[in-house]
Protein backbone atom coordinates (compact mmCIF):
# COMPACT_ATOMS: atom_id res chain seq x y z
CA UNK A 1 0.00 0.00 0.00
CA UNK A 2 2.83 2.38 -0.91
CA UNK A 3 2.07 5.98 -1.85
CA UNK A 4 1.65 6.44 -5.64
CA UNK A 5 4.74 7.74 -7.39
CA UNK A 6 3.31 11.24 -7.90
CA UNK A 7 2.70 11.60 -4.16
CA UNK A 8 6.19 10.38 -3.29
CA UNK A 9 7.62 13.04 -5.64
CA UNK A 10 5.38 15.76 -4.19
CA UNK A 11 6.34 14.89 -0.61
CA UNK A 12 10.03 14.85 -1.47
CA UNK A 13 9.83 18.22 -3.22
CA UNK A 14 7.95 19.68 -0.26
CA UNK A 15 10.61 18.35 2.15
CA UNK A 16 13.49 19.76 0.07
CA UNK A 17 11.76 23.13 -0.18
CA UNK A 18 10.96 23.36 3.52
CA UNK A 19 14.50 22.50 4.59
CA UNK A 20 15.96 24.93 2.06
CA UNK A 21 13.72 27.76 3.23
CA UNK A 22 14.69 27.05 6.84
CA UNK A 23 18.45 26.87 6.42
CA UNK A 24 19.36 28.99 3.36
CA UNK A 25 20.32 32.68 3.47
CA UNK A 26 20.83 33.45 -0.21
CA UNK A 27 17.81 35.31 -1.59
CA UNK A 28 18.06 33.58 -4.97
CA UNK A 29 18.13 30.14 -3.37
CA UNK A 30 15.15 31.08 -1.20
CA UNK A 31 13.16 32.01 -4.28
CA UNK A 32 14.06 28.69 -5.94
CA UNK A 33 12.88 26.78 -2.86
CA UNK A 34 9.58 28.71 -2.91
CA UNK A 35 9.15 27.65 -6.53
CA UNK A 36 9.84 24.02 -5.62
CA UNK A 37 7.24 24.22 -2.83
CA UNK A 38 4.74 25.71 -5.29
CA UNK A 39 5.31 22.78 -7.68
CA UNK A 40 4.67 20.27 -4.87
CA UNK A 41 1.40 22.05 -4.00
CA UNK A 42 0.29 22.00 -7.65
CA UNK A 43 1.01 18.26 -7.93
CA UNK A 44 -1.08 17.51 -4.85
CA UNK A 45 -3.91 19.78 -5.96
CA UNK A 46 -4.09 18.10 -9.38
CA UNK A 47 -4.20 14.55 -8.00
CA UNK A 48 -6.37 14.98 -4.89
CA UNK A 49 -9.62 16.64 -3.83
CA UNK A 50 -7.72 18.97 -1.52
CA UNK A 51 -7.93 22.69 -2.13
CA UNK A 52 -4.65 24.22 -3.28
CA UNK A 53 -5.03 27.19 -0.95
CA UNK A 54 -5.53 24.88 2.06
CA UNK A 55 -2.41 22.90 1.12
CA UNK A 56 -0.41 26.10 0.63
CA UNK A 57 -1.46 27.52 4.01
CA UNK A 58 -0.50 24.29 5.75
CA UNK A 59 2.85 23.98 3.97
CA UNK A 60 3.75 27.62 4.53
CA UNK A 61 2.90 27.31 8.21
CA UNK A 62 5.50 24.56 8.73
CA UNK A 63 9.04 25.56 9.60
CA UNK A 64 12.37 23.75 9.90
CA UNK A 65 13.24 20.21 8.91
CA UNK A 66 10.26 18.15 7.73
CA UNK A 67 9.21 15.45 10.21
CA UNK A 68 6.18 13.12 10.35
CA UNK A 69 2.94 14.08 12.05
CA UNK A 70 1.76 11.80 14.90
CA UNK A 71 -1.64 10.09 14.89
CA UNK A 72 -2.16 8.39 18.28
CA UNK A 73 -4.88 5.72 18.63
CA UNK A 74 -6.17 4.12 21.83
CA UNK A 75 -7.06 0.41 21.64
CA UNK A 76 -9.40 0.23 24.65
CA UNK A 77 -10.55 -3.19 25.75
CA UNK A 78 -13.29 -4.47 28.04
CA UNK A 79 -14.45 -8.11 28.19
CA UNK A 80 -12.39 -8.91 25.10
CA UNK A 81 -14.17 -6.25 23.07
CA UNK A 82 -12.67 -3.07 21.63
CA UNK A 83 -14.10 0.43 21.94
CA UNK A 84 -14.83 2.27 18.69
CA UNK A 85 -16.33 5.72 18.15
CA UNK A 86 -18.59 6.71 15.24
CA UNK A 87 -17.07 9.62 13.34
CA UNK A 88 -19.53 12.37 12.39
CA UNK A 89 -17.43 13.35 9.39
CA UNK A 90 -17.97 10.07 7.52
CA UNK A 91 -20.40 7.99 9.64
CA UNK A 92 -17.84 5.21 10.09
CA UNK A 93 -16.06 3.89 13.18
CA UNK A 94 -12.55 4.30 14.53
CA UNK A 95 -10.35 3.88 17.55
CA UNK A 96 -10.43 7.05 19.70
CA UNK A 97 -7.51 9.28 18.86
CA UNK A 98 -6.12 11.68 16.32
CA UNK A 99 -3.35 14.26 15.94
CA UNK A 100 -1.13 14.46 19.01
CA UNK A 101 -1.10 17.86 20.73
CA UNK A 102 2.42 19.24 21.13
CA UNK A 103 1.90 20.26 24.77
CA UNK A 104 0.84 16.77 25.90
CA UNK A 105 2.72 13.50 26.25
CA UNK A 106 1.61 10.46 24.27
CA UNK A 107 -0.13 9.08 27.35
CA UNK A 108 -1.86 12.39 28.05
CA UNK A 109 -3.02 12.65 24.44
CA UNK A 110 -4.58 9.18 24.56
CA UNK A 111 -6.37 9.88 27.83
CA UNK A 112 -7.71 13.18 26.46
CA UNK A 113 -8.94 11.73 23.16
CA UNK A 114 -10.56 8.69 24.78
CA UNK A 115 -12.49 10.90 27.18
CA UNK A 116 -13.55 13.46 24.57
CA UNK A 117 -14.41 11.11 21.68
CA UNK A 118 -15.66 7.99 23.47
CA UNK A 119 -16.52 8.99 27.05
CA UNK A 120 -13.95 6.55 28.41
CA UNK A 121 -11.52 6.99 31.26
CA UNK A 122 -8.52 4.84 30.46
CA UNK A 123 -5.13 3.66 31.62
CA UNK A 124 -2.68 3.29 28.67
CA UNK A 125 -0.61 0.11 29.12
CA UNK A 126 1.73 -0.66 26.25
CA UNK A 127 2.56 0.28 22.69
CA UNK A 128 1.17 -2.13 20.12
CA UNK A 129 2.65 -0.67 16.95
CA UNK A 130 4.16 2.38 15.28
CA UNK A 131 3.24 2.32 11.60
CA UNK A 132 3.94 4.50 8.61
CA UNK A 133 0.44 5.43 7.43
CA UNK A 134 1.41 5.31 3.77
CA UNK A 135 2.09 1.57 4.05
CA UNK A 136 -1.22 0.63 5.69
CA UNK A 137 -4.05 3.12 5.11
CA UNK A 138 -5.99 4.59 2.20
CA UNK A 139 -6.65 7.08 0.75
CA UNK A 140 -3.12 8.46 0.27
CA UNK A 141 -2.30 11.47 2.44
CA UNK A 142 -0.11 14.43 1.47
CA UNK A 143 1.77 14.42 4.79
CA UNK A 144 4.10 11.89 6.36
CA UNK A 145 2.29 10.31 9.31
CA UNK A 146 3.31 7.87 12.03
CA UNK A 147 0.34 6.03 13.55
CA UNK A 148 0.90 4.89 17.14
CA UNK A 149 -1.44 2.23 18.53
CA UNK A 150 -1.52 1.81 22.32
CA UNK A 151 -3.36 -0.85 24.31
CA UNK A 152 -5.43 0.68 27.11
CA UNK A 153 -7.54 -0.54 30.00
CA UNK A 154 -11.04 0.90 30.38
CA UNK A 155 -11.62 2.25 33.90
CA UNK A 156 -15.16 3.47 33.18
CA UNK A 157 -17.29 4.39 30.20
CA UNK A 158 -20.08 6.95 29.79
CA UNK A 159 -20.46 8.25 26.24
CA UNK A 160 -21.95 11.64 25.38
CA UNK A 161 -22.39 12.97 21.84
CA UNK A 162 -19.83 15.61 20.94
CA UNK A 163 -18.59 17.66 17.98
CA UNK A 164 -16.53 14.76 16.56
CA UNK A 165 -18.42 11.55 17.32
CA UNK A 166 -22.08 10.51 17.53
CA UNK A 167 -21.75 7.13 19.26
CA UNK A 168 -19.28 4.80 20.94
CA UNK A 169 -19.62 1.07 21.57
CA UNK A 170 -17.57 -2.03 22.33
CA UNK A 171 -17.28 -4.56 19.49
CA UNK A 172 -15.95 -8.09 19.15
CA UNK A 173 -13.46 -8.83 16.38
CA UNK A 174 -16.08 -10.88 14.52
CA UNK A 175 -18.69 -8.12 14.57
CA UNK A 176 -16.86 -4.94 13.58
CA UNK A 177 -18.92 -2.06 12.15
CA UNK A 178 -17.97 -0.18 8.94
CA UNK A 179 -14.53 1.28 9.65
CA UNK A 180 -13.14 4.71 8.84
CA UNK A 181 -10.27 3.18 6.91
CA UNK A 182 -8.09 6.28 6.76
CA UNK A 183 -8.02 6.11 10.56
CA UNK A 184 -7.90 2.34 11.06
CA UNK A 185 -8.31 -0.78 8.94
CA UNK A 186 -9.67 -4.20 9.86
CA UNK A 187 -6.08 -5.48 9.83
CA UNK A 188 -5.04 -2.82 12.35
CA UNK A 189 -7.99 -3.66 14.63
CA UNK A 190 -7.06 -7.34 14.38
CA UNK A 191 -3.47 -6.43 15.30
CA UNK A 192 -4.78 -4.73 18.45
CA UNK A 193 -6.77 -7.82 19.42
CA UNK A 194 -3.70 -10.01 18.92
CA UNK A 195 -1.71 -7.78 21.25
CA UNK A 196 -4.48 -7.78 23.85
CA UNK A 197 -4.65 -11.58 23.82
CA UNK A 198 -0.87 -12.02 24.17
CA UNK A 199 0.87 -11.67 27.54
CA UNK A 200 4.33 -11.06 26.13
CA UNK A 201 3.69 -8.99 23.04
CA UNK A 202 6.52 -7.43 21.04
CA UNK A 203 5.58 -4.07 19.47
CA UNK A 204 5.50 -3.83 15.68
CA UNK A 205 7.14 -0.98 13.82
CA UNK A 206 7.83 -0.24 10.15
């Protein structure tokens, strides 16, 4: 499930441009790097449904060396079932989580997202996997993303509808609802169950 070639080129051009703009002093070089960034934006706009202005604003807001974004997901278990939340944006289901806030630790991010999206108070226990999104999830994404899956215990659960999710329930592996595949696939949910059912589990990473 590698990124298509056009997206690999666009990401590489964006990375070169961002590093050049961060570390170059020559005004002519800076202008060349702006042109390279513009080309990467045009490639992404032509091949995706993303608005060019939105891409440009995001790219121009990033500074320094290009690094992956972090998508943290809580695999919350109770009675050998996993907690999934129904996303309002697409009506499909996902593990609670999302972009990691920079002022919180990984553990704090997971606790926050589980409470806000699924009404669950949790205790994160162990890392299940750190995956490169481009190798596991569709549709392709313009940004480099590491997805971190963490097994968590459910201390209590009391869901309330919120701005992001409309429902949250526990599901068995054999009765999963339609999944929001950009956030998590059936294979990733199965991976979480395998970790939960194994006492001495070795984390997976790409």
